[in-house]
N, C-alpha and C. Protein backbone atom coordinates (compact mmCIF):
# COMPACT_ATOMS: atom_id res chain seq x y z
N MET A 1 32.63 155.27 19.13
CA MET A 1 32.70 154.93 20.56
C MET A 1 33.88 153.99 20.80
N THR A 2 34.62 154.19 21.87
CA THR A 2 35.81 153.41 22.14
C THR A 2 35.58 152.49 23.35
N SER A 3 36.59 151.65 23.63
CA SER A 3 36.46 150.69 24.72
C SER A 3 36.53 151.36 26.08
N LEU A 4 36.18 150.61 27.13
CA LEU A 4 36.26 151.13 28.50
C LEU A 4 37.67 151.61 28.81
N PHE A 5 38.66 150.80 28.45
CA PHE A 5 40.04 151.14 28.77
C PHE A 5 40.51 152.35 27.98
N GLN A 6 40.12 152.46 26.73
CA GLN A 6 40.48 153.64 25.95
C GLN A 6 39.93 154.91 26.57
N ARG A 7 38.67 154.86 26.99
CA ARG A 7 38.04 156.04 27.58
C ARG A 7 38.65 156.40 28.93
N ALA A 8 39.00 155.37 29.71
CA ALA A 8 39.57 155.63 31.04
C ALA A 8 41.01 156.14 30.95
N MET A 9 41.77 155.63 29.98
CA MET A 9 43.20 155.96 29.90
C MET A 9 43.48 157.16 29.01
N GLY A 10 42.53 157.52 28.14
CA GLY A 10 42.74 158.66 27.27
C GLY A 10 43.92 158.44 26.33
N PRO A 11 44.71 159.50 26.07
CA PRO A 11 45.83 159.38 25.13
C PRO A 11 46.86 158.33 25.52
N ASP A 12 46.96 158.01 26.83
CA ASP A 12 47.95 157.02 27.27
C ASP A 12 47.70 155.65 26.64
N PHE A 13 46.44 155.38 26.26
CA PHE A 13 46.11 154.08 25.68
C PHE A 13 46.96 153.81 24.44
N GLU A 14 47.25 154.86 23.67
CA GLU A 14 48.02 154.70 22.44
C GLU A 14 49.48 154.34 22.72
N SER A 15 49.92 154.47 23.96
CA SER A 15 51.30 154.12 24.32
C SER A 15 51.45 152.65 24.64
N LEU A 16 50.33 151.93 24.79
CA LEU A 16 50.39 150.49 25.01
C LEU A 16 50.94 149.79 23.78
N HIS A 17 51.55 148.65 23.98
CA HIS A 17 51.95 147.81 22.86
C HIS A 17 50.72 147.52 22.00
N PRO A 18 50.84 147.49 20.67
CA PRO A 18 49.67 147.26 19.81
C PRO A 18 48.86 146.02 20.16
N MET A 19 49.51 144.96 20.62
CA MET A 19 48.76 143.76 20.99
C MET A 19 47.94 143.99 22.26
N LEU A 20 48.46 144.82 23.17
CA LEU A 20 47.68 145.17 24.36
C LEU A 20 46.53 146.09 23.99
N GLN A 21 46.75 146.96 23.02
CA GLN A 21 45.66 147.82 22.56
C GLN A 21 44.53 146.97 21.99
N ARG A 22 44.87 145.93 21.27
CA ARG A 22 43.81 145.08 20.73
C ARG A 22 43.10 144.33 21.85
N ARG A 23 43.88 143.81 22.79
CA ARG A 23 43.28 143.03 23.88
C ARG A 23 42.36 143.89 24.75
N PHE A 24 42.81 145.09 25.10
CA PHE A 24 42.02 145.95 25.98
C PHE A 24 41.12 146.90 25.18
N GLY A 25 41.06 146.68 23.88
CA GLY A 25 40.10 147.39 23.05
C GLY A 25 38.78 146.65 22.91
N VAL A 26 38.67 145.51 23.59
CA VAL A 26 37.42 144.73 23.55
C VAL A 26 36.27 145.58 24.07
N GLY A 27 35.17 145.60 23.33
CA GLY A 27 34.00 146.37 23.75
C GLY A 27 32.85 146.18 22.80
N LEU A 28 31.71 146.78 23.15
CA LEU A 28 30.52 146.63 22.33
C LEU A 28 30.68 147.30 20.97
N SER A 29 31.38 148.44 20.93
CA SER A 29 31.51 149.14 19.66
C SER A 29 32.31 148.34 18.66
N ARG A 30 33.27 147.58 19.13
CA ARG A 30 34.07 146.76 18.23
C ARG A 30 33.42 145.40 17.99
N GLY A 31 32.50 145.03 18.88
CA GLY A 31 31.79 143.76 18.70
C GLY A 31 32.70 142.56 18.72
N GLU A 32 33.61 142.54 19.70
CA GLU A 32 34.62 141.49 19.72
C GLU A 32 34.90 141.05 21.15
N ALA A 33 35.13 139.75 21.33
CA ALA A 33 35.53 139.18 22.60
C ALA A 33 36.95 138.65 22.48
N CYS A 34 37.63 138.52 23.60
CA CYS A 34 39.00 138.01 23.63
C CYS A 34 39.06 136.87 24.65
N VAL A 35 39.59 135.73 24.22
CA VAL A 35 39.75 134.57 25.11
C VAL A 35 41.22 134.19 25.13
N GLY A 36 41.81 134.21 26.31
CA GLY A 36 43.21 133.85 26.48
C GLY A 36 43.36 132.49 27.14
N ARG A 37 44.32 131.72 26.67
CA ARG A 37 44.62 130.41 27.24
C ARG A 37 46.11 130.28 27.46
N GLY A 38 46.48 129.82 28.64
CA GLY A 38 47.90 129.70 28.91
C GLY A 38 48.17 128.98 30.20
N VAL A 39 49.28 129.34 30.84
CA VAL A 39 49.75 128.65 32.04
C VAL A 39 50.20 129.67 33.08
N MET A 40 49.73 129.49 34.30
CA MET A 40 50.28 130.23 35.42
C MET A 40 51.51 129.45 35.89
N THR A 41 52.68 130.01 35.65
CA THR A 41 53.88 129.29 36.04
C THR A 41 54.01 129.19 37.55
N GLU A 42 53.34 130.11 38.26
CA GLU A 42 53.38 130.06 39.72
C GLU A 42 52.15 130.77 40.30
N ILE A 43 51.47 130.10 41.22
CA ILE A 43 50.43 130.72 42.04
C ILE A 43 50.86 130.54 43.48
N ARG A 44 50.93 131.62 44.23
CA ARG A 44 51.40 131.51 45.61
C ARG A 44 50.57 132.38 46.53
N ARG A 45 50.70 132.14 47.80
CA ARG A 45 49.96 132.91 48.80
C ARG A 45 50.90 133.24 49.96
N GLY A 46 50.39 134.08 50.85
CA GLY A 46 51.17 134.50 52.00
C GLY A 46 51.18 133.45 53.11
N PRO A 47 51.46 133.86 54.35
CA PRO A 47 51.55 132.94 55.48
C PRO A 47 50.25 132.16 55.71
N TRP A 48 50.30 131.19 56.57
CA TRP A 48 49.18 130.27 56.83
C TRP A 48 47.91 131.00 57.23
N TRP A 49 48.06 132.13 57.91
CA TRP A 49 46.86 132.82 58.39
C TRP A 49 46.09 133.52 57.28
N THR A 50 46.65 133.58 56.07
CA THR A 50 45.90 134.14 54.94
C THR A 50 44.89 133.15 54.37
N VAL A 51 45.07 131.85 54.68
CA VAL A 51 44.23 130.82 54.06
C VAL A 51 42.73 131.02 54.37
N PRO A 52 42.32 131.30 55.63
CA PRO A 52 40.89 131.50 55.88
C PRO A 52 40.28 132.62 55.04
N PHE A 53 41.02 133.72 54.84
CA PHE A 53 40.50 134.82 54.02
C PHE A 53 40.35 134.39 52.56
N LEU A 54 41.32 133.63 52.07
CA LEU A 54 41.25 133.16 50.69
C LEU A 54 40.12 132.15 50.52
N GLN A 55 39.88 131.33 51.53
CA GLN A 55 38.79 130.36 51.46
C GLN A 55 37.43 131.06 51.43
N VAL A 56 37.29 132.13 52.21
CA VAL A 56 36.04 132.89 52.19
C VAL A 56 35.84 133.51 50.81
N GLY A 57 36.91 134.07 50.25
CA GLY A 57 36.82 134.64 48.91
C GLY A 57 36.46 133.61 47.86
N ARG A 58 36.92 132.38 48.05
CA ARG A 58 36.64 131.31 47.08
C ARG A 58 35.14 131.04 46.95
N LEU A 59 34.37 131.24 48.03
CA LEU A 59 32.95 130.94 48.01
C LEU A 59 32.20 131.80 47.01
N ARG A 60 32.71 132.99 46.71
CA ARG A 60 32.07 133.89 45.75
C ARG A 60 32.98 134.18 44.56
N ASN A 61 33.94 133.30 44.31
CA ASN A 61 34.85 133.42 43.16
C ASN A 61 35.60 134.74 43.16
N ILE A 62 36.07 135.14 44.34
CA ILE A 62 36.84 136.38 44.44
C ILE A 62 38.34 136.09 44.54
N LEU A 63 38.71 135.06 45.28
CA LEU A 63 40.10 134.66 45.43
C LEU A 63 40.20 133.14 45.35
N ILE A 64 41.40 132.65 45.14
CA ILE A 64 41.59 131.19 45.16
C ILE A 64 42.61 130.86 46.24
N PRO A 65 42.34 129.80 47.03
CA PRO A 65 43.22 129.47 48.15
C PRO A 65 44.38 128.56 47.76
N ASP A 66 44.39 128.04 46.53
CA ASP A 66 45.37 127.04 46.13
C ASP A 66 46.70 127.67 45.73
N VAL A 67 47.74 126.88 45.79
CA VAL A 67 49.04 127.25 45.25
C VAL A 67 49.46 126.17 44.26
N GLY A 68 50.38 126.51 43.38
CA GLY A 68 50.82 125.51 42.42
C GLY A 68 51.74 126.11 41.38
N THR A 69 52.29 125.25 40.56
CA THR A 69 53.12 125.67 39.44
C THR A 69 52.58 125.05 38.17
N ASP A 70 52.83 125.73 37.06
CA ASP A 70 52.40 125.26 35.74
C ASP A 70 50.91 124.89 35.74
N VAL A 71 50.09 125.85 36.17
CA VAL A 71 48.64 125.65 36.29
C VAL A 71 47.96 126.17 35.02
N PRO A 72 47.27 125.31 34.26
CA PRO A 72 46.55 125.79 33.07
C PRO A 72 45.41 126.73 33.48
N PHE A 73 45.19 127.76 32.65
CA PHE A 73 44.11 128.69 32.95
C PHE A 73 43.55 129.28 31.66
N VAL A 74 42.33 129.83 31.80
CA VAL A 74 41.65 130.52 30.71
C VAL A 74 41.14 131.84 31.26
N ILE A 75 41.26 132.92 30.49
CA ILE A 75 40.66 134.20 30.84
C ILE A 75 39.75 134.63 29.71
N GLU A 76 38.49 134.97 30.05
CA GLU A 76 37.49 135.29 29.03
C GLU A 76 37.00 136.72 29.21
N ASN A 77 37.19 137.51 28.16
CA ASN A 77 36.78 138.93 28.14
C ASN A 77 35.69 139.10 27.09
N TYR A 78 34.44 139.22 27.57
CA TYR A 78 33.29 139.41 26.69
C TYR A 78 32.61 140.72 27.04
N PRO A 79 32.21 141.52 26.05
CA PRO A 79 31.45 142.73 26.33
C PRO A 79 29.95 142.43 26.35
N TYR A 80 29.23 143.15 27.21
CA TYR A 80 27.77 143.05 27.20
C TYR A 80 27.19 144.28 27.88
N SER A 81 25.91 144.48 27.71
CA SER A 81 25.21 145.57 28.37
C SER A 81 24.49 145.00 29.59
N ASP A 82 24.79 145.53 30.78
CA ASP A 82 24.19 144.97 31.99
C ASP A 82 22.75 145.47 32.16
N PRO A 83 22.01 144.97 33.16
CA PRO A 83 20.60 145.36 33.32
C PRO A 83 20.38 146.86 33.52
N PHE A 84 21.43 147.61 33.85
CA PHE A 84 21.29 149.05 34.05
C PHE A 84 21.75 149.83 32.82
N GLY A 85 22.02 149.11 31.73
CA GLY A 85 22.41 149.76 30.49
C GLY A 85 23.87 150.15 30.41
N ARG A 86 24.70 149.67 31.33
CA ARG A 86 26.11 150.01 31.32
C ARG A 86 26.90 149.00 30.49
N GLU A 87 27.80 149.50 29.67
CA GLU A 87 28.70 148.58 28.98
C GLU A 87 29.59 147.90 30.01
N THR A 88 29.69 146.59 29.91
CA THR A 88 30.42 145.79 30.88
C THR A 88 31.33 144.82 30.13
N VAL A 89 32.49 144.55 30.69
CA VAL A 89 33.40 143.56 30.11
C VAL A 89 33.76 142.54 31.19
N THR A 90 33.61 141.27 30.86
CA THR A 90 33.96 140.21 31.81
C THR A 90 35.47 139.99 31.84
N PHE A 91 35.98 139.73 33.02
CA PHE A 91 37.37 139.29 33.20
C PHE A 91 37.31 138.05 34.10
N VAL A 92 36.84 136.96 33.52
CA VAL A 92 36.63 135.73 34.27
C VAL A 92 37.80 134.79 34.01
N ARG A 93 38.47 134.40 35.10
CA ARG A 93 39.61 133.49 35.00
C ARG A 93 39.22 132.15 35.60
N GLU A 94 39.58 131.08 34.93
CA GLU A 94 39.34 129.73 35.46
C GLU A 94 40.65 128.97 35.45
N TYR A 95 40.97 128.35 36.59
CA TYR A 95 42.22 127.63 36.76
C TYR A 95 41.94 126.15 36.99
N ASP A 96 42.85 125.32 36.50
CA ASP A 96 42.79 123.88 36.75
C ASP A 96 43.95 123.54 37.67
N VAL A 97 43.67 123.53 38.98
CA VAL A 97 44.71 123.29 39.98
C VAL A 97 44.64 121.83 40.42
N ARG A 98 45.49 121.02 39.82
CA ARG A 98 45.54 119.59 40.14
C ARG A 98 44.16 118.94 40.07
N GLY A 99 43.44 119.26 38.99
CA GLY A 99 42.13 118.66 38.77
C GLY A 99 40.98 119.39 39.43
N ARG A 100 41.27 120.42 40.24
CA ARG A 100 40.23 121.23 40.87
C ARG A 100 40.01 122.50 40.06
N ARG A 101 38.75 122.78 39.70
CA ARG A 101 38.41 123.98 38.95
C ARG A 101 38.19 125.15 39.91
N ARG A 102 38.91 126.23 39.71
CA ARG A 102 38.75 127.43 40.52
C ARG A 102 38.45 128.60 39.59
N ARG A 103 37.59 129.52 40.04
CA ARG A 103 37.26 130.70 39.23
C ARG A 103 37.50 131.98 40.01
N PHE A 104 37.92 132.99 39.27
CA PHE A 104 38.07 134.34 39.81
C PHE A 104 37.24 135.23 38.89
N ASP A 105 36.08 135.68 39.38
CA ASP A 105 35.14 136.44 38.56
C ASP A 105 35.33 137.93 38.76
N ALA A 106 35.35 138.66 37.64
CA ALA A 106 35.40 140.11 37.69
C ALA A 106 34.67 140.66 36.48
N THR A 107 33.96 141.77 36.69
CA THR A 107 33.29 142.48 35.60
C THR A 107 33.61 143.96 35.76
N MET A 108 33.89 144.61 34.65
CA MET A 108 34.34 146.00 34.70
C MET A 108 33.36 146.93 33.99
N VAL A 109 33.12 148.09 34.61
CA VAL A 109 32.29 149.14 34.01
C VAL A 109 33.05 150.45 34.12
N LEU A 110 32.60 151.43 33.34
CA LEU A 110 33.18 152.76 33.40
C LEU A 110 32.25 153.67 34.19
N ASP A 111 32.81 154.36 35.19
CA ASP A 111 32.04 155.31 36.00
C ASP A 111 32.75 156.66 35.89
N GLY A 112 32.23 157.54 35.04
CA GLY A 112 32.95 158.78 34.78
C GLY A 112 34.22 158.49 34.01
N ALA A 113 35.36 158.85 34.61
CA ALA A 113 36.65 158.60 33.96
C ALA A 113 37.40 157.43 34.61
N ARG A 114 36.74 156.71 35.50
CA ARG A 114 37.43 155.62 36.20
C ARG A 114 36.77 154.29 35.86
N ILE A 115 37.58 153.24 35.88
CA ILE A 115 37.04 151.89 35.73
C ILE A 115 36.78 151.33 37.12
N VAL A 116 35.59 150.78 37.30
CA VAL A 116 35.22 150.09 38.53
C VAL A 116 35.20 148.60 38.24
N ASP A 117 35.92 147.85 39.03
CA ASP A 117 36.04 146.40 38.88
C ASP A 117 35.18 145.74 39.94
N TYR A 118 34.07 145.11 39.52
CA TYR A 118 33.23 144.37 40.45
C TYR A 118 33.78 142.95 40.57
N LEU A 119 33.99 142.50 41.81
CA LEU A 119 34.55 141.18 42.04
C LEU A 119 33.49 140.23 42.58
N GLY A 120 33.58 138.97 42.12
CA GLY A 120 32.74 137.92 42.67
C GLY A 120 31.48 137.65 41.90
N THR A 121 30.80 136.59 42.31
CA THR A 121 29.59 136.13 41.63
C THR A 121 28.41 137.08 41.81
N HIS A 122 28.44 137.90 42.87
CA HIS A 122 27.32 138.80 43.18
C HIS A 122 27.74 140.27 43.19
N GLN A 123 28.91 140.56 42.62
CA GLN A 123 29.41 141.94 42.57
C GLN A 123 29.39 142.61 43.95
N HIS A 124 29.75 141.84 44.97
CA HIS A 124 29.76 142.38 46.34
C HIS A 124 30.82 143.46 46.52
N LEU A 125 31.96 143.30 45.85
CA LEU A 125 33.09 144.19 46.08
C LEU A 125 33.34 145.03 44.83
N ALA A 126 33.31 146.35 44.97
CA ALA A 126 33.59 147.28 43.87
C ALA A 126 34.93 147.95 44.14
N VAL A 127 35.83 147.86 43.17
CA VAL A 127 37.20 148.33 43.36
C VAL A 127 37.55 149.34 42.27
N ASP A 128 38.05 150.50 42.66
CA ASP A 128 38.54 151.48 41.69
C ASP A 128 39.90 151.04 41.18
N LEU A 129 40.14 151.25 39.88
CA LEU A 129 41.41 150.87 39.28
C LEU A 129 42.18 152.09 38.80
N ASP A 130 43.47 152.10 39.09
CA ASP A 130 44.37 153.12 38.56
C ASP A 130 45.18 152.47 37.43
N LEU A 131 45.17 153.09 36.25
CA LEU A 131 45.80 152.51 35.07
C LEU A 131 46.87 153.45 34.53
N ARG A 132 48.03 152.87 34.21
CA ARG A 132 49.07 153.66 33.56
C ARG A 132 49.90 152.76 32.66
N VAL A 133 50.78 153.38 31.89
CA VAL A 133 51.60 152.65 30.93
C VAL A 133 53.07 152.86 31.26
N GLU A 134 53.83 151.76 31.25
CA GLU A 134 55.28 151.82 31.43
C GLU A 134 55.93 151.01 30.32
N ASP A 135 56.65 151.65 29.43
CA ASP A 135 57.35 150.96 28.35
C ASP A 135 56.42 150.04 27.57
N GLY A 136 55.23 150.52 27.27
CA GLY A 136 54.28 149.74 26.50
C GLY A 136 53.50 148.72 27.30
N ARG A 137 53.80 148.58 28.59
CA ARG A 137 53.12 147.62 29.47
C ARG A 137 51.96 148.30 30.19
N LEU A 138 50.93 147.52 30.48
CA LEU A 138 49.84 148.02 31.30
C LEU A 138 50.17 147.77 32.76
N VAL A 139 50.09 148.83 33.57
CA VAL A 139 50.31 148.71 35.01
C VAL A 139 49.01 149.09 35.69
N LEU A 140 48.45 148.16 36.42
CA LEU A 140 47.14 148.33 37.07
C LEU A 140 47.33 148.23 38.58
N THR A 141 46.79 149.20 39.30
CA THR A 141 46.82 149.18 40.76
C THR A 141 45.41 149.39 41.29
N SER A 142 45.00 148.54 42.21
CA SER A 142 43.67 148.72 42.79
C SER A 142 43.72 149.82 43.83
N ASP A 143 42.56 150.50 43.99
CA ASP A 143 42.49 151.63 44.92
C ASP A 143 41.33 151.41 45.88
N ALA A 144 40.50 152.40 46.08
CA ALA A 144 39.41 152.31 47.06
C ALA A 144 38.49 151.14 46.77
N GLN A 145 37.99 150.51 47.83
CA GLN A 145 37.12 149.35 47.71
C GLN A 145 35.85 149.59 48.53
N ARG A 146 34.72 149.13 47.95
CA ARG A 146 33.44 149.27 48.64
C ARG A 146 32.71 147.93 48.62
N PHE A 147 32.06 147.61 49.73
CA PHE A 147 31.32 146.35 49.85
C PHE A 147 29.83 146.64 49.82
N TYR A 148 29.08 145.87 49.00
CA TYR A 148 27.64 146.06 48.88
C TYR A 148 26.93 144.73 49.09
N GLU A 149 25.89 144.77 49.92
CA GLU A 149 25.05 143.59 50.14
C GLU A 149 23.65 144.08 50.46
N GLY A 150 22.70 143.82 49.55
CA GLY A 150 21.34 144.29 49.75
C GLY A 150 21.32 145.80 49.92
N PRO A 151 20.63 146.32 50.95
CA PRO A 151 20.56 147.77 51.14
C PRO A 151 21.82 148.34 51.80
N PHE A 152 22.73 147.47 52.24
CA PHE A 152 23.90 147.93 52.97
C PHE A 152 25.09 148.17 52.04
N GLY A 153 25.88 149.16 52.37
CA GLY A 153 27.08 149.45 51.61
C GLY A 153 28.04 150.25 52.46
N PHE A 154 29.32 149.92 52.38
CA PHE A 154 30.30 150.67 53.14
C PHE A 154 31.66 150.58 52.45
N ARG A 155 32.48 151.57 52.71
CA ARG A 155 33.84 151.57 52.19
C ARG A 155 34.65 150.54 52.97
N PHE A 156 35.27 149.63 52.24
CA PHE A 156 36.00 148.54 52.88
C PHE A 156 37.35 149.06 53.36
N PRO A 157 37.66 148.91 54.66
CA PRO A 157 38.92 149.46 55.18
C PRO A 157 40.13 148.72 54.60
N MET A 158 41.09 149.48 54.05
CA MET A 158 42.26 148.87 53.45
C MET A 158 43.11 148.13 54.48
N LEU A 159 42.96 148.47 55.76
CA LEU A 159 43.68 147.74 56.80
C LEU A 159 43.35 146.27 56.76
N LEU A 160 42.11 145.93 56.36
CA LEU A 160 41.66 144.54 56.34
C LEU A 160 41.67 143.93 54.94
N SER A 161 42.18 144.68 53.97
CA SER A 161 42.12 144.20 52.61
C SER A 161 43.50 144.28 51.97
N GLY A 162 43.56 143.92 50.69
CA GLY A 162 44.82 143.95 49.97
C GLY A 162 44.74 144.89 48.78
N ARG A 163 45.90 145.36 48.37
CA ARG A 163 45.99 146.20 47.18
C ARG A 163 46.68 145.39 46.09
N ALA A 164 46.03 145.32 44.94
CA ALA A 164 46.56 144.53 43.82
C ALA A 164 47.49 145.39 42.97
N HIS A 165 48.61 144.80 42.57
CA HIS A 165 49.56 145.43 41.65
C HIS A 165 49.76 144.45 40.49
N LEU A 166 49.28 144.83 39.32
CA LEU A 166 49.33 143.93 38.17
C LEU A 166 50.09 144.58 37.02
N ARG A 167 50.93 143.79 36.38
CA ARG A 167 51.61 144.20 35.16
C ARG A 167 51.30 143.19 34.06
N GLU A 168 50.95 143.71 32.89
CA GLU A 168 50.69 142.84 31.75
C GLU A 168 51.41 143.42 30.54
N TRP A 169 52.05 142.53 29.79
CA TRP A 169 52.80 142.99 28.62
C TRP A 169 52.82 141.90 27.55
N PHE A 170 53.26 142.30 26.35
CA PHE A 170 53.38 141.34 25.25
C PHE A 170 54.85 141.08 24.99
N ASP A 171 55.19 139.80 25.05
CA ASP A 171 56.56 139.34 24.82
C ASP A 171 56.70 139.03 23.34
N GLU A 172 57.33 139.92 22.60
CA GLU A 172 57.42 139.74 21.15
C GLU A 172 58.28 138.54 20.77
N ASP A 173 59.34 138.27 21.54
CA ASP A 173 60.21 137.14 21.21
C ASP A 173 59.47 135.81 21.31
N ALA A 174 58.64 135.67 22.37
CA ALA A 174 57.90 134.43 22.58
C ALA A 174 56.53 134.43 21.91
N GLY A 175 56.05 135.63 21.53
CA GLY A 175 54.73 135.73 20.91
C GLY A 175 53.59 135.45 21.88
N VAL A 176 53.76 135.82 23.16
CA VAL A 176 52.74 135.56 24.18
C VAL A 176 52.55 136.80 25.04
N PHE A 177 51.38 136.87 25.69
CA PHE A 177 51.13 137.86 26.72
C PHE A 177 51.69 137.32 28.04
N ARG A 178 52.24 138.21 28.84
CA ARG A 178 52.72 137.82 30.17
C ARG A 178 52.03 138.67 31.22
N ILE A 179 51.83 138.06 32.39
CA ILE A 179 51.09 138.73 33.46
C ILE A 179 51.76 138.43 34.80
N ASP A 180 51.77 139.43 35.67
CA ASP A 180 52.37 139.28 37.00
C ASP A 180 51.51 140.07 37.98
N LEU A 181 50.95 139.38 38.96
CA LEU A 181 50.06 139.99 39.95
C LEU A 181 50.58 139.75 41.35
N ARG A 182 50.55 140.80 42.17
CA ARG A 182 50.85 140.69 43.60
C ARG A 182 49.76 141.43 44.38
N VAL A 183 49.23 140.79 45.40
CA VAL A 183 48.27 141.43 46.30
C VAL A 183 48.94 141.55 47.66
N THR A 184 49.05 142.78 48.15
CA THR A 184 49.75 143.01 49.40
C THR A 184 48.89 143.85 50.34
N ASN A 185 49.22 143.78 51.61
CA ASN A 185 48.61 144.60 52.64
C ASN A 185 49.70 145.46 53.27
N ARG A 186 49.39 146.71 53.49
CA ARG A 186 50.39 147.67 53.99
C ARG A 186 51.04 147.19 55.28
N HIS A 187 50.27 146.51 56.13
CA HIS A 187 50.79 146.09 57.43
C HIS A 187 51.23 144.62 57.46
N PHE A 188 50.55 143.79 56.67
CA PHE A 188 50.80 142.35 56.76
C PHE A 188 51.63 141.80 55.60
N GLY A 189 51.93 142.65 54.63
CA GLY A 189 52.80 142.21 53.56
C GLY A 189 52.10 141.43 52.46
N PHE A 190 52.81 140.49 51.86
CA PHE A 190 52.32 139.73 50.72
C PHE A 190 51.17 138.80 51.12
N LEU A 191 50.07 138.81 50.31
CA LEU A 191 48.91 137.97 50.58
C LEU A 191 48.71 136.89 49.51
N PHE A 192 48.84 137.29 48.24
CA PHE A 192 48.50 136.38 47.15
C PHE A 192 49.14 136.90 45.87
N GLY A 193 49.46 135.97 44.95
CA GLY A 193 50.01 136.43 43.69
C GLY A 193 50.13 135.30 42.68
N TYR A 194 50.33 135.70 41.43
CA TYR A 194 50.60 134.72 40.39
C TYR A 194 51.37 135.38 39.26
N ARG A 195 52.00 134.54 38.45
CA ARG A 195 52.63 135.02 37.21
C ARG A 195 52.49 133.92 36.17
N GLY A 196 52.39 134.34 34.91
CA GLY A 196 52.22 133.34 33.86
C GLY A 196 52.20 133.97 32.48
N TRP A 197 51.77 133.17 31.51
CA TRP A 197 51.73 133.62 30.12
C TRP A 197 50.48 133.05 29.45
N PHE A 198 50.06 133.66 28.34
CA PHE A 198 48.91 133.16 27.61
C PHE A 198 48.91 133.71 26.19
N THR A 199 48.17 133.04 25.32
CA THR A 199 47.92 133.52 23.97
C THR A 199 46.44 133.84 23.86
N CYS A 200 46.07 134.64 22.86
CA CYS A 200 44.69 135.11 22.74
C CYS A 200 44.09 134.78 21.38
N GLU A 201 42.78 134.58 21.41
CA GLU A 201 41.97 134.50 20.20
C GLU A 201 40.84 135.51 20.35
N TRP A 202 40.43 136.09 19.22
CA TRP A 202 39.35 137.07 19.21
C TRP A 202 38.17 136.53 18.43
N PHE A 203 36.96 136.80 18.95
CA PHE A 203 35.74 136.30 18.34
C PHE A 203 34.71 137.43 18.26
N PRO A 204 33.84 137.41 17.24
CA PRO A 204 32.75 138.38 17.21
C PRO A 204 31.82 138.17 18.42
N ALA A 205 31.46 139.25 19.11
CA ALA A 205 30.57 139.13 20.27
C ALA A 205 30.03 140.50 20.66
N THR A 206 28.73 140.54 20.95
CA THR A 206 28.11 141.75 21.51
C THR A 206 27.34 141.39 22.78
N ASP A 207 27.58 140.19 23.29
CA ASP A 207 26.97 139.74 24.53
C ASP A 207 27.88 138.68 25.13
N ALA A 208 27.74 138.46 26.43
CA ALA A 208 28.54 137.46 27.13
C ALA A 208 27.67 136.25 27.44
N PRO A 209 28.25 135.05 27.41
CA PRO A 209 27.49 133.86 27.83
C PRO A 209 27.01 134.03 29.27
N ASP A 210 25.84 133.49 29.57
CA ASP A 210 25.29 133.62 30.92
C ASP A 210 26.24 133.06 31.97
N ARG A 211 27.00 132.02 31.62
CA ARG A 211 27.90 131.40 32.59
C ARG A 211 28.99 132.35 33.07
N LEU A 212 29.24 133.44 32.31
CA LEU A 212 30.27 134.40 32.70
C LEU A 212 29.72 135.61 33.43
N LYS A 213 28.41 135.80 33.39
CA LYS A 213 27.82 136.97 34.02
C LYS A 213 27.60 136.73 35.51
N PRO A 214 27.66 137.79 36.32
CA PRO A 214 27.39 137.62 37.76
C PRO A 214 25.94 137.22 37.99
N ARG A 215 25.70 136.58 39.10
CA ARG A 215 24.33 136.18 39.45
C ARG A 215 23.49 137.38 39.87
N ARG A 216 24.16 138.44 40.32
CA ARG A 216 23.47 139.67 40.71
C ARG A 216 24.30 140.84 40.24
N HIS A 217 23.67 141.84 39.62
CA HIS A 217 24.35 143.05 39.20
C HIS A 217 24.11 144.16 40.22
N GLU A 218 25.16 144.88 40.55
CA GLU A 218 25.09 145.96 41.53
C GLU A 218 25.07 147.30 40.81
N ARG A 219 24.04 148.12 41.13
CA ARG A 219 23.94 149.43 40.51
C ARG A 219 24.97 150.42 41.07
N ARG A 220 25.22 150.32 42.37
CA ARG A 220 26.10 151.28 43.02
C ARG A 220 27.56 151.06 42.61
N THR A 221 28.26 152.15 42.40
CA THR A 221 29.67 152.05 42.08
C THR A 221 30.55 152.57 43.23
């Protein structure tokens, strides 16, 4: 059995840089977790009117409203089986912005041949991910988004949301992973973004600490 990313990307996974293959090979079958520690050299946001949306997202650890440079951060990727029996991998990021702790919670599952990224403490937002490889780098683009709350669920209109464009690669000269994220809206332009670097450690794991798991798991994808 292979990792979520291996199954979603198929043969393209082998085109990733070997260090990215190890990082995104985290899963239950390998029994391994990956913890990255590094620095966001820049966290920025769009115009002033984006702040209320970022503040709302902050309440459920979906977005962070702060900006800054040289911000220490940790990203924790642990595999576990959720209450519905789905293999899940945490992508929980924690930032130290001038002494303020901020979190961006995400958990990923495989639905058919696609990865669904649940965002936030209660998995309110489910986002389809498009994955491809460019020169050994992982290029991730978010696609359709759905909002779930109790019995209600609806497709979130992209007019009111952002599309994430993320690139991650391994810098062999520096011996670090590098990451660059931009969230944009087709009509309103740039909303939020960051860039930085980190190093990784791998640990045996077949479960995630409770502190990294969402408070509520959503069955619907």
